[in-house]
């Protein structure tokens, strides 16, 4: 149980679920060639999960002092698992994830793609040890890494199977993955800022330089509000252009009910949010928006098939 808390298994399950969803609920339904066999795609998911788990472990090692103040019940290193054991787990997870990445890069005959896994693992390490203490930069890195977990599907499964005959269709599908990656980036970036507001006391005591510490929680909340308006407007435009104009009314209803409405709720509620409990609630709302946004790929596939 201590190990599961160390690797934040719920987040890892959501990551794996998201990648499996894009492959089997969307790409497999498009009648296109894919570069990876099912078991090889499973290895891609496993590699992503292992490297992400390693990131959580190293982050927990360096966050002990901060979490002791912000989330004392979540502290694992030093209580149930020694720091030495945590480091060994981190090394084992990282090596396993990168090794699988090397194998898959050779499977698709793009050996240089192995550097992607090395760079991600390195970035997670430097994030935990130093980068997250730099205002905004840490938030950007976390959001970018989540977005790239969507893009990597196209890099390993669509790009290597692209040829002159299917180039237009493959580019269109890749662009859809990019759209979802941008959505994940925007929502998760806002969520990271909200989490900084929620954790401001512990971060301040550890000498970290987050946005709420630099300009105050109230001003940071206003920035989060402004940032939330951007994806709201973009989603309205996107829904109108790609869903309404193509008579995809099921996914249009879904998007309004389960993505736009909760996002509007977030925008309204953050105006008066002040307590740690309120910001924790808003962080959870953003997590649900992200989940429902990703699930929309199923609704899109079903709606297109139904219309056809």
Foldseek 3Di string as FASTA:
>chain_A
DLLCLQQVVVVLVLLLVLLVCCVPLFVVLPPAAWLDDPVLSVLLSLLLSLLSSLLSLLLLLLCQQLCCPQPVVSRRDPPPHDSVRSVVSSVVSLVSSLVSLCVLCVSLPNNVSSVVSVVLSVLSNCLSVPQVLDELRSLQNVLLSSLVSLLVSLVRIQVSRDDPVCPVVSVVSSVVSNVLSVVSSLLSSLLVLLVCLLSVVSCVVVVGDYPCVVPNSLVSLVVSLVSLVVVLVVVVVVCVVPQVVVVLVQLSVLCVPQANVLSVVLSVQSNPDDHSVSSVVSSVSSVSNSSSSSVSSSSVSVSVVVVD
